[in-house]
Amino acid sequence: MRRGVAMAADPYGRFRGAGRTPPDDRGGQDVRSGRRDEPSRAAGEATSRELRLYGLNAVRAMFARRPGALRKLYLAETRIPALQPLLKWCVANRVGYRVVEEDDLRKLAASSHHEGVVADVLREAPQPLDSWLAALPAGPQCAVWLDGVGNPHNLGAILRSAAHFGVGAILLPQASTLALSGAAARVAEGGAEAVPMVRLDGVDESLAALRGAGFATAATVVDGGDDLFAAALPRRLVYVLGAEGEGMDRGLASRCDLRLSIPGTGAVESLNVAAATAVLLAAWRSRTG
């Protein structure tokens, strides 16, 4: 294969020589081959080592932080100007890309919210808790412990808020199967690349390690907790949030240092877990930022 010639991947993941470099903003030839194959692989069918991302900000954030994770790229013709740096990188590094139609992108992403680009990338494994703690700088820090949250759109919204407010990590229980999905990454709008996921040990071991690093833990409860807006919030704080329906585990809540509630009118029972996270993080940031 000659240098500077793109390897185009068809939607089945096979590679074929495209024979041309990507067009620049002035126009030119695209990278279509002689026929257009129908994609057959849905987002959930990627191997466990790979993640299928979609959405412009999600893909751009991945490329800005870890371009070497990119394995294949599919894009609409209208996205060529916006993705020139990424396409040029693909040419230089012989990573396959392909210009495809709207219907193909929808099938590849298993969503109509692909925003004109889909990418297969290597998945990042969660960090161990001790490694994350060892690398933390001194000063105020906040993290979010997700106890049973599973909805990918809620996870994406939590990641977006976490990135906005400078949260250090999303903490995942030892047995949690929660993992980043394409849907979560799109909703996060780039936040998934800004906030690492960290795997906890057992509950008692994790609480001890966090306290040893200067963190207090706050169970977030619908009622019966201290008023979030009146409580003194520690400069190093882990908010513990429960599942969307059942709330957090009572045993875990009893082990936390604080119990916090978000006061409201009572017109609704509570906030959605993602909305509650944004309020909690804003309260912490307003007192430490």
C-alpha atoms as a PDB file:
ATOM      1  CA  MET A   1       0.000   0.000   0.000  1.00  0.00           C
ATOM      2  CA  ARG A   2       1.443   3.394  -0.944  1.00  0.00           C
ATOM      3  CA  ARG A   3       1.901   6.049   1.697  1.00  0.00           C
ATOM      4  CA  GLY A   4      -0.778   8.722   1.668  1.00  0.00           C
ATOM      5  CA  VAL A   5      -3.389   6.398   0.185  1.00  0.00           C
ATOM      6  CA  ALA A   6      -6.353   5.752   2.445  1.00  0.00           C
ATOM      7  CA  MET A   7      -7.521   2.269   3.303  1.00  0.00           C
ATOM      8  CA  ALA A   8     -11.306   2.437   3.134  1.00  0.00           C
ATOM      9  CA  ALA A   9     -13.310   0.086   5.299  1.00  0.00           C
ATOM     10  CA  ASP A  10     -16.670  -1.023   4.077  1.00  0.00           C
ATOM     11  CA  PRO A  11     -19.486  -1.216   6.632  1.00  0.00           C
ATOM     12  CA  TYR A  12     -18.775  -4.908   7.273  1.00  0.00           C
ATOM     13  CA  GLY A  13     -15.316  -4.044   8.605  1.00  0.00           C
ATOM     14  CA  ARG A  14     -13.401  -5.352   5.568  1.00  0.00           C
ATOM     15  CA  PHE A  15     -10.731  -3.103   4.136  1.00  0.00           C
ATOM     16  CA  ARG A  16     -10.194  -2.121   0.527  1.00  0.00           C
ATOM     17  CA  GLY A  17      -7.871   0.359  -1.096  1.00  0.00           C
ATOM     18  CA  ALA A  18      -9.626   3.627  -1.810  1.00  0.00           C
ATOM     19  CA  GLY A  19      -6.947   4.936  -4.131  1.00  0.00           C
ATOM     20  CA  ARG A  20      -7.400   8.605  -3.172  1.00  0.00           C
ATOM     21  CA  THR A  21      -6.638  10.879  -0.297  1.00  0.00           C
ATOM     22  CA  PRO A  22      -9.583  12.659   1.345  1.00  0.00           C
ATOM     23  CA  PRO A  23     -10.809  15.845  -0.281  1.00  0.00           C
ATOM     24  CA  ASP A  24      -9.942  19.159   1.274  1.00  0.00           C
ATOM     25  CA  ASP A  25     -12.329  22.019   1.897  1.00  0.00           C
ATOM     26  CA  ARG A  26     -12.112  23.085  -1.744  1.00  0.00           C
ATOM     27  CA  GLY A  27     -13.776  19.925  -2.910  1.00  0.00           C
ATOM     28  CA  GLY A  28     -12.481  16.839  -4.681  1.00  0.00           C
ATOM     29  CA  GLN A  29     -13.081  13.109  -4.808  1.00  0.00           C
ATOM     30  CA  ASP A  30     -14.533  11.149  -1.927  1.00  0.00           C
ATOM     31  CA  VAL A  31     -13.426   7.699  -0.847  1.00  0.00           C
ATOM     32  CA  ARG A  32     -16.322   5.605  -2.086  1.00  0.00           C
ATOM     33  CA  SER A  33     -15.509   2.351  -3.802  1.00  0.00           C
ATOM     34  CA  GLY A  34     -17.378   1.123  -6.840  1.00  0.00           C
ATOM     35  CA  ARG A  35     -20.431  -0.044  -4.892  1.00  0.00           C
ATOM     36  CA  ARG A  36     -22.059   0.663  -1.564  1.00  0.00           C
ATOM     37  CA  ASP A  37     -22.359  -2.296   0.787  1.00  0.00           C
ATOM     38  CA  GLU A  38     -25.135  -2.566   3.323  1.00  0.00           C
ATOM     39  CA  PRO A  39     -23.843  -2.411   6.900  1.00  0.00           C
ATOM     40  CA  SER A  40     -24.898  -5.311   9.056  1.00  0.00           C
ATOM     41  CA  ARG A  41     -23.247  -4.692  12.403  1.00  0.00           C
ATOM     42  CA  ALA A  42     -25.290  -2.812  15.010  1.00  0.00           C
ATOM     43  CA  ALA A  43     -23.760  -0.814  17.821  1.00  0.00           C
ATOM     44  CA  GLY A  44     -24.220  -3.577  20.367  1.00  0.00           C
ATOM     45  CA  GLU A  45     -22.403  -6.167  18.236  1.00  0.00           C
ATOM     46  CA  ALA A  46     -18.923  -4.676  18.549  1.00  0.00           C
ATOM     47  CA  THR A  47     -16.372  -6.797  20.365  1.00  0.00           C
ATOM     48  CA  SER A  48     -15.813  -6.108  24.041  1.00  0.00           C
ATOM     49  CA  ARG A  49     -12.491  -4.460  23.221  1.00  0.00           C
ATOM     50  CA  GLU A  50     -14.131  -1.985  20.868  1.00  0.00           C
ATOM     51  CA  LEU A  51     -16.762   0.689  21.248  1.00  0.00           C
ATOM     52  CA  ARG A  52     -18.856   2.158  18.449  1.00  0.00           C
ATOM     53  CA  LEU A  53     -19.023   5.915  18.945  1.00  0.00           C
ATOM     54  CA  TYR A  54     -21.310   8.290  17.099  1.00  0.00           C
ATOM     55  CA  GLY A  55     -22.020  11.986  17.313  1.00  0.00           C
ATOM     56  CA  LEU A  56     -19.713  14.787  16.189  1.00  0.00           C
ATOM     57  CA  ASN A  57     -18.535  15.979  19.611  1.00  0.00           C
ATOM     58  CA  ALA A  58     -18.053  12.448  20.923  1.00  0.00           C
ATOM     59  CA  VAL A  59     -15.850  11.478  17.971  1.00  0.00           C
ATOM     60  CA  ARG A  60     -13.904  14.744  17.979  1.00  0.00           C
ATOM     61  CA  ALA A  61     -13.194  14.456  21.711  1.00  0.00           C
ATOM     62  CA  MET A  62     -11.916  10.899  21.271  1.00  0.00           C
ATOM     63  CA  PHE A  63      -9.652  11.975  18.413  1.00  0.00           C
ATOM     64  CA  ALA A  64      -8.290  14.968  20.343  1.00  0.00           C
ATOM     65  CA  ARG A  65      -7.352  12.867  23.367  1.00  0.00           C
ATOM     66  CA  ARG A  66      -6.434   9.433  21.993  1.00  0.00           C
ATOM     67  CA  PRO A  67      -6.292   9.272  18.193  1.00  0.00           C
ATOM     68  CA  GLY A  68      -4.486   5.937  18.318  1.00  0.00           C
ATOM     69  CA  ALA A  69      -7.693   4.317  19.589  1.00  0.00           C
ATOM     70  CA  LEU A  70      -9.432   4.879  16.239  1.00  0.00           C
ATOM     71  CA  ARG A  71      -9.955   1.691  14.226  1.00  0.00           C
ATOM     72  CA  LYS A  72     -12.537   2.603  11.555  1.00  0.00           C
ATOM     73  CA  LEU A  73     -14.439   5.719  10.582  1.00  0.00           C
ATOM     74  CA  TYR A  74     -17.673   6.226   8.636  1.00  0.00           C
ATOM     75  CA  LEU A  75     -18.955   9.664   7.743  1.00  0.00           C
ATOM     76  CA  ALA A  76     -21.484  11.538   5.661  1.00  0.00           C
ATOM     77  CA  GLU A  77     -20.154  13.544   2.731  1.00  0.00           C
ATOM     78  CA  THR A  78     -21.350  16.741   4.400  1.00  0.00           C
ATOM     79  CA  ARG A  79     -19.004  16.050   7.352  1.00  0.00           C
ATOM     80  CA  ILE A  80     -15.823  15.967   5.253  1.00  0.00           C
ATOM     81  CA  PRO A  81     -14.942  19.655   5.809  1.00  0.00           C
ATOM     82  CA  ALA A  82     -15.513  19.472   9.575  1.00  0.00           C
ATOM     83  CA  LEU A  83     -13.465  16.280   9.930  1.00  0.00           C
ATOM     84  CA  GLN A  84     -10.465  17.170   7.758  1.00  0.00           C
ATOM     85  CA  PRO A  85      -7.858  16.802  10.559  1.00  0.00           C
ATOM     86  CA  LEU A  86      -9.230  13.376  11.440  1.00  0.00           C
ATOM     87  CA  LEU A  87      -9.302  12.234   7.812  1.00  0.00           C
ATOM     88  CA  LYS A  88      -5.744  13.397   7.201  1.00  0.00           C
ATOM     89  CA  TRP A  89      -4.660  11.492  10.295  1.00  0.00           C
ATOM     90  CA  CYS A  90      -6.390   8.383   8.909  1.00  0.00           C
ATOM     91  CA  VAL A  91      -4.464   8.725   5.640  1.00  0.00           C
ATOM     92  CA  ALA A  92      -1.141   9.183   7.410  1.00  0.00           C
ATOM     93  CA  ASN A  93      -1.746   6.225   9.722  1.00  0.00           C
ATOM     94  CA  ARG A  94      -3.533   3.926   7.269  1.00  0.00           C
ATOM     95  CA  VAL A  95      -6.742   3.779   9.263  1.00  0.00           C
ATOM     96  CA  GLY A  96      -9.795   2.880   7.211  1.00  0.00           C
ATOM     97  CA  TYR A  97     -12.530   5.411   6.598  1.00  0.00           C
ATOM     98  CA  ARG A  98     -15.523   5.479   4.303  1.00  0.00           C
ATOM     99  CA  VAL A  99     -18.045   8.047   3.101  1.00  0.00           C
ATOM    100  CA  VAL A 100     -21.501   6.474   3.341  1.00  0.00           C
ATOM    101  CA  GLU A 101     -25.140   7.436   3.048  1.00  0.00           C
ATOM    102  CA  GLU A 102     -27.494   8.562   5.802  1.00  0.00           C
ATOM    103  CA  ASP A 103     -29.251   5.201   5.957  1.00  0.00           C
ATOM    104  CA  ASP A 104     -25.919   3.385   6.398  1.00  0.00           C
ATOM    105  CA  LEU A 105     -24.922   5.684   9.262  1.00  0.00           C
ATOM    106  CA  ARG A 106     -28.250   5.112  10.951  1.00  0.00           C
ATOM    107  CA  LYS A 107     -27.769   1.345  10.730  1.00  0.00           C
ATOM    108  CA  LEU A 108     -24.162   1.479  11.873  1.00  0.00           C
ATOM    109  CA  ALA A 109     -25.046   3.587  14.914  1.00  0.00           C
ATOM    110  CA  ALA A 110     -28.373   1.838  15.491  1.00  0.00           C
ATOM    111  CA  SER A 111     -29.628   5.383  16.007  1.00  0.00           C
ATOM    112  CA  SER A 112     -30.827   8.341  13.992  1.00  0.00           C
ATOM    113  CA  HIS A 113     -28.754  10.629  16.238  1.00  0.00           C
ATOM    114  CA  HIS A 114     -25.406   9.838  14.613  1.00  0.00           C
ATOM    115  CA  GLU A 115     -24.807  13.470  13.494  1.00  0.00           C
ATOM    116  CA  GLY A 116     -23.046  12.330  10.353  1.00  0.00           C
ATOM    117  CA  VAL A 117     -20.171  10.327  11.841  1.00  0.00           C
ATOM    118  CA  VAL A 118     -19.603   6.874  13.343  1.00  0.00           C
ATOM    119  CA  ALA A 119     -16.294   5.514  14.631  1.00  0.00           C
ATOM    120  CA  ASP A 120     -15.088   2.167  15.937  1.00  0.00           C
ATOM    121  CA  VAL A 121     -12.536   2.767  18.684  1.00  0.00           C
ATOM    122  CA  LEU A 122     -10.686   0.796  21.320  1.00  0.00           C
ATOM    123  CA  ARG A 123     -12.514   0.801  24.621  1.00  0.00           C
ATOM    124  CA  GLU A 124     -10.793   2.175  27.715  1.00  0.00           C
ATOM    125  CA  ALA A 125     -10.911  -0.079  30.762  1.00  0.00           C
ATOM    126  CA  PRO A 126     -11.782   1.552  34.106  1.00  0.00           C
ATOM    127  CA  GLN A 127      -8.793   2.492  36.263  1.00  0.00           C
ATOM    128  CA  PRO A 128      -8.243   0.774  39.619  1.00  0.00           C
ATOM    129  CA  LEU A 129      -9.171   2.986  42.563  1.00  0.00           C
ATOM    130  CA  ASP A 130      -5.669   2.947  44.055  1.00  0.00           C
ATOM    131  CA  SER A 131      -4.112   4.103  40.772  1.00  0.00           C
ATOM    132  CA  TRP A 132      -6.583   6.965  40.431  1.00  0.00           C
ATOM    133  CA  LEU A 133      -6.052   8.105  44.021  1.00  0.00           C
ATOM    134  CA  ALA A 134      -2.270   7.951  43.680  1.00  0.00           C
ATOM    135  CA  ALA A 135      -2.353  10.260  40.644  1.00  0.00           C
ATOM    136  CA  LEU A 136      -4.700  12.887  42.110  1.00  0.00           C
ATOM    137  CA  PRO A 137      -3.275  16.376  42.649  1.00  0.00           C
ATOM    138  CA  ALA A 138      -3.717  18.111  45.977  1.00  0.00           C
ATOM    139  CA  GLY A 139      -6.648  20.409  46.569  1.00  0.00           C
ATOM    140  CA  PRO A 140     -10.418  20.213  46.056  1.00  0.00           C
ATOM    141  CA  GLN A 141     -11.681  17.111  44.300  1.00  0.00           C
ATOM    142  CA  CYS A 142     -15.104  15.697  43.568  1.00  0.00           C
ATOM    143  CA  ALA A 143     -16.154  12.272  42.315  1.00  0.00           C
ATOM    144  CA  VAL A 144     -19.468  10.557  41.614  1.00  0.00           C
ATOM    145  CA  TRP A 145     -20.132   7.020  42.860  1.00  0.00           C
ATOM    146  CA  LEU A 146     -22.904   5.382  40.794  1.00  0.00           C
ATOM    147  CA  ASP A 147     -24.707   2.700  42.770  1.00  0.00           C
ATOM    148  CA  GLY A 148     -26.884   0.885  40.245  1.00  0.00           C
ATOM    149  CA  VAL A 149     -27.357   3.583  37.601  1.00  0.00           C
ATOM    150  CA  GLY A 150     -27.789   1.800  34.289  1.00  0.00           C
ATOM    151  CA  ASN A 151     -29.660   3.961  31.777  1.00  0.00           C
ATOM    152  CA  PRO A 152     -27.143   5.018  29.068  1.00  0.00           C
ATOM    153  CA  HIS A 153     -28.776   8.405  28.531  1.00  0.00           C
ATOM    154  CA  ASN A 154     -28.574   9.146  32.247  1.00  0.00           C
ATOM    155  CA  LEU A 155     -24.935   8.045  32.251  1.00  0.00           C
ATOM    156  CA  GLY A 156     -24.219  10.317  29.295  1.00  0.00           C
ATOM    157  CA  ALA A 157     -25.907  13.295  30.951  1.00  0.00           C
ATOM    158  CA  ILE A 158     -23.987  12.615  34.177  1.00  0.00           C
ATOM    159  CA  LEU A 159     -20.709  12.512  32.254  1.00  0.00           C
ATOM    160  CA  ARG A 160     -21.554  15.790  30.536  1.00  0.00           C
ATOM    161  CA  SER A 161     -22.264  17.508  33.866  1.00  0.00           C
ATOM    162  CA  ALA A 162     -19.191  15.904  35.429  1.00  0.00           C
ATOM    163  CA  ALA A 163     -16.976  17.275  32.669  1.00  0.00           C
ATOM    164  CA  HIS A 164     -18.568  20.718  32.921  1.00  0.00           C
ATOM    165  CA  PHE A 165     -17.963  20.984  36.670  1.00  0.00           C
ATOM    166  CA  GLY A 166     -14.503  19.404  36.692  1.00  0.00           C
ATOM    167  CA  VAL A 167     -15.316  16.114  38.413  1.00  0.00           C
ATOM    168  CA  GLY A 168     -12.331  13.819  38.875  1.00  0.00           C
ATOM    169  CA  ALA A 169     -13.967  10.463  38.110  1.00  0.00           C
ATOM    170  CA  ILE A 170     -17.042   8.297  37.890  1.00  0.00           C
ATOM    171  CA  LEU A 171     -16.666   5.519  40.472  1.00  0.00           C
ATOM    172  CA  LEU A 172     -18.142   2.125  39.583  1.00  0.00           C
ATOM    173  CA  PRO A 173     -18.881  -0.573  42.182  1.00  0.00           C
ATOM    174  CA  GLN A 174     -16.871  -3.767  42.015  1.00  0.00           C
ATOM    175  CA  ALA A 175     -19.726  -5.824  40.550  1.00  0.00           C
ATOM    176  CA  SER A 176     -21.210  -3.122  38.313  1.00  0.00           C
ATOM    177  CA  THR A 177     -21.658  -3.990  34.644  1.00  0.00           C
ATOM    178  CA  LEU A 178     -22.121  -0.336  33.705  1.00  0.00           C
ATOM    179  CA  ALA A 179     -19.905   0.624  30.779  1.00  0.00           C
ATOM    180  CA  LEU A 180     -19.732   3.435  28.284  1.00  0.00           C
ATOM    181  CA  SER A 181     -21.940   2.913  25.226  1.00  0.00           C
ATOM    182  CA  GLY A 182     -22.250   4.826  22.002  1.00  0.00           C
ATOM    183  CA  ALA A 183     -25.531   6.330  23.202  1.00  0.00           C
ATOM    184  CA  ALA A 184     -23.976   7.485  26.489  1.00  0.00           C
ATOM    185  CA  ALA A 185     -20.964   8.976  24.731  1.00  0.00           C
ATOM    186  CA  ARG A 186     -23.167  10.928  22.307  1.00  0.00           C
ATOM    187  CA  VAL A 187     -25.293  12.360  25.114  1.00  0.00           C
ATOM    188  CA  ALA A 188     -22.079  13.250  27.002  1.00  0.00           C
ATOM    189  CA  GLU A 189     -21.048  15.519  24.066  1.00  0.00           C
ATOM    190  CA  GLY A 190     -17.341  14.833  24.605  1.00  0.00           C
ATOM    191  CA  GLY A 191     -17.565  14.499  28.385  1.00  0.00           C
ATOM    192  CA  ALA A 192     -16.792  10.783  28.267  1.00  0.00           C
ATOM    193  CA  GLU A 193     -13.212  11.605  27.267  1.00  0.00           C
ATOM    194  CA  ALA A 194     -12.809  14.203  30.035  1.00  0.00           C
ATOM    195  CA  VAL A 195     -13.942  12.117  33.012  1.00  0.00           C
ATOM    196  CA  PRO A 196     -12.302   8.739  33.700  1.00  0.00           C
ATOM    197  CA  MET A 197     -14.159   5.738  35.020  1.00  0.00           C
ATOM    198  CA  VAL A 198     -12.673   4.095  38.095  1.00  0.00           C
ATOM    199  CA  ARG A 199     -13.358   0.572  39.371  1.00  0.00           C
ATOM    200  CA  LEU A 200     -13.926   0.301  43.119  1.00  0.00           C
ATOM    201  CA  ASP A 201     -12.922  -2.544  45.375  1.00  0.00           C
ATOM    202  CA  GLY A 202     -15.339  -3.804  48.020  1.00  0.00           C
ATOM    203  CA  VAL A 203     -17.509  -1.182  49.708  1.00  0.00           C
ATOM    204  CA  ASP A 204     -15.622  -1.094  52.999  1.00  0.00           C
ATOM    205  CA  GLU A 205     -12.209  -1.167  51.317  1.00  0.00           C
ATOM    206  CA  SER A 206     -13.200   1.608  48.906  1.00  0.00           C
ATOM    207  CA  LEU A 207     -14.632   3.815  51.648  1.00  0.00           C
ATOM    208  CA  ALA A 208     -11.455   3.361  53.684  1.00  0.00           C
ATOM    209  CA  ALA A 209      -9.229   4.196  50.705  1.00  0.00           C
ATOM    210  CA  LEU A 210     -11.264   7.303  49.855  1.00  0.00           C
ATOM    211  CA  ARG A 211     -11.204   8.526  53.450  1.00  0.00           C
ATOM    212  CA  GLY A 212      -7.477   7.882  53.578  1.00  0.00           C
ATOM    213  CA  ALA A 213      -7.121  10.252  50.606  1.00  0.00           C
ATOM    214  CA  GLY A 214      -9.119  12.946  52.391  1.00  0.00           C
ATOM    215  CA  PHE A 215     -12.533  12.352  50.830  1.00  0.00           C
ATOM    216  CA  ALA A 216     -15.862  12.482  52.626  1.00  0.00           C
ATOM    217  CA  THR A 217     -18.747  10.503  51.149  1.00  0.00           C
ATOM    218  CA  ALA A 218     -22.272  11.882  50.826  1.00  0.00           C
ATOM    219  CA  ALA A 219     -25.292   9.656  50.303  1.00  0.00           C
ATOM    220  CA  THR A 220     -27.846  11.498  48.172  1.00  0.00           C
ATOM    221  CA  VAL A 221     -31.373  10.738  49.332  1.00  0.00           C
ATOM    222  CA  VAL A 222     -34.792  11.985  48.255  1.00  0.00           C
ATOM    223  CA  ASP A 223     -35.730  13.099  51.765  1.00  0.00           C
ATOM    224  CA  GLY A 224     -34.395  12.973  55.286  1.00  0.00           C
ATOM    225  CA  GLY A 225     -30.974  14.334  54.409  1.00  0.00           C
ATOM    226  CA  ASP A 226     -29.396  17.672  55.185  1.00  0.00           C
ATOM    227  CA  ASP A 227     -30.360  20.523  52.868  1.00  0.00           C
ATOM    228  CA  LEU A 228     -27.775  20.550  50.080  1.00  0.00           C
ATOM    229  CA  PHE A 229     -27.854  24.340  49.850  1.00  0.00           C
ATOM    230  CA  ALA A 230     -27.307  24.880  53.569  1.00  0.00           C
ATOM    231  CA  ALA A 231     -24.875  22.063  54.366  1.00  0.00           C
ATOM    232  CA  ALA A 232     -21.134  22.577  54.587  1.00  0.00           C
ATOM    233  CA  LEU A 233     -19.635  20.602  51.707  1.00  0.00           C
ATOM    234  CA  PRO A 234     -16.132  19.159  52.163  1.00  0.00           C
ATOM    235  CA  ARG A 235     -13.479  20.251  49.668  1.00  0.00           C
ATOM    236  CA  ARG A 236     -12.888  16.578  48.837  1.00  0.00           C
ATOM    237  CA  LEU A 237     -16.240  14.941  48.318  1.00  0.00           C
ATOM    238  CA  VAL A 238     -17.723  11.810  46.738  1.00  0.00           C
ATOM    239  CA  TYR A 239     -21.420  11.990  45.943  1.00  0.00           C
ATOM    240  CA  VAL A 240     -23.051   8.542  46.041  1.00  0.00           C
ATOM    241  CA  LEU A 241     -26.083   8.282  43.753  1.00  0.00           C
ATOM    242  CA  GLY A 242     -28.506   5.400  43.570  1.00  0.00           C
ATOM    243  CA  ALA A 243     -30.313   3.595  40.792  1.00  0.00           C
ATOM    244  CA  GLU A 244     -32.925   5.423  38.731  1.00  0.00           C
ATOM    245  CA  GLY A 245     -35.881   3.581  40.277  1.00  0.00           C
ATOM    246  CA  GLU A 246     -34.884   1.991  43.563  1.00  0.00           C
ATOM    247  CA  GLY A 247     -32.527   4.635  44.892  1.00  0.00           C
ATOM    248  CA  MET A 248     -29.248   3.819  46.587  1.00  0.00           C
ATOM    249  CA  ASP A 249     -28.558   0.800  48.763  1.00  0.00           C
ATOM    250  CA  ARG A 250     -29.488   1.548  52.380  1.00  0.00           C
ATOM    251  CA  GLY A 251     -26.473  -0.301  53.704  1.00  0.00           C
ATOM    252  CA  LEU A 252     -24.177   1.853  51.603  1.00  0.00           C
ATOM    253  CA  ALA A 253     -26.033   5.016  52.611  1.00  0.00           C
ATOM    254  CA  SER A 254     -25.535   4.170  56.283  1.00  0.00           C
ATOM    255  CA  ARG A 255     -21.768   3.894  55.764  1.00  0.00           C
ATOM    256  CA  CYS A 256     -21.466   7.360  54.194  1.00  0.00           C
ATOM    257  CA  ASP A 257     -20.283  10.367  56.163  1.00  0.00           C
ATOM    258  CA  LEU A 258     -23.135  12.659  55.065  1.00  0.00           C
ATOM    259  CA  ARG A 259     -26.718  12.361  53.876  1.00  0.00           C
ATOM    260  CA  LEU A 260     -27.853  15.123  51.519  1.00  0.00           C
ATOM    261  CA  SER A 261     -31.202  15.988  49.950  1.00  0.00           C
ATOM    262  CA  ILE A 262     -32.098  18.552  47.294  1.00  0.00           C
ATOM    263  CA  PRO A 263     -35.004  20.671  48.585  1.00  0.00           C
ATOM    264  CA  GLY A 264     -37.849  21.450  46.209  1.00  0.00           C
ATOM    265  CA  THR A 265     -41.517  22.365  46.011  1.00  0.00           C
ATOM    266  CA  GLY A 266     -42.826  18.833  46.455  1.00  0.00           C
ATOM    267  CA  ALA A 267     -44.774  19.098  43.222  1.00  0.00           C
ATOM    268  CA  VAL A 268     -42.792  16.069  42.004  1.00  0.00           C
ATOM    269  CA  GLU A 269     -41.308  13.307  44.118  1.00  0.00           C
ATOM    270  CA  SER A 270     -37.709  13.855  43.077  1.00  0.00           C
ATOM    271  CA  LEU A 271     -35.319  14.804  40.293  1.00  0.00           C
ATOM    272  CA  ASN A 272     -34.078  12.405  37.644  1.00  0.00           C
ATOM    273  CA  VAL A 273     -30.660  11.043  38.678  1.00  0.00           C
ATOM    274  CA  ALA A 274     -28.874  12.968  35.907  1.00  0.00           C
ATOM    275  CA  ALA A 275     -30.613  16.240  36.784  1.00  0.00           C
ATOM    276  CA  ALA A 276     -29.882  15.672  40.469  1.00  0.00           C
ATOM    277  CA  THR A 277     -26.218  15.107  39.659  1.00  0.00           C
ATOM    278  CA  ALA A 278     -25.986  18.452  37.889  1.00  0.00           C
ATOM    279  CA  VAL A 279     -27.505  20.249  40.895  1.00  0.00           C
ATOM    280  CA  LEU A 280     -25.210  18.440  43.347  1.00  0.00           C
ATOM    281  CA  LEU A 281     -22.092  19.213  41.334  1.00  0.00           C
ATOM    282  CA  ALA A 282     -23.033  22.853  40.878  1.00  0.00           C
ATOM    283  CA  ALA A 283     -23.495  23.197  44.642  1.00  0.00           C
ATOM    284  CA  TRP A 284     -20.045  21.717  45.308  1.00  0.00           C
ATOM    285  CA  ARG A 285     -18.364  23.802  42.638  1.00  0.00           C
ATOM    286  CA  SER A 286     -19.936  27.038  43.881  1.00  0.00           C
ATOM    287  CA  ARG A 287     -18.251  26.556  47.249  1.00  0.00           C
ATOM    288  CA  THR A 288     -14.863  25.279  46.149  1.00  0.00           C
ATOM    289  CA  GLY A 289     -14.256  26.649  42.641  1.00  0.00           C
END
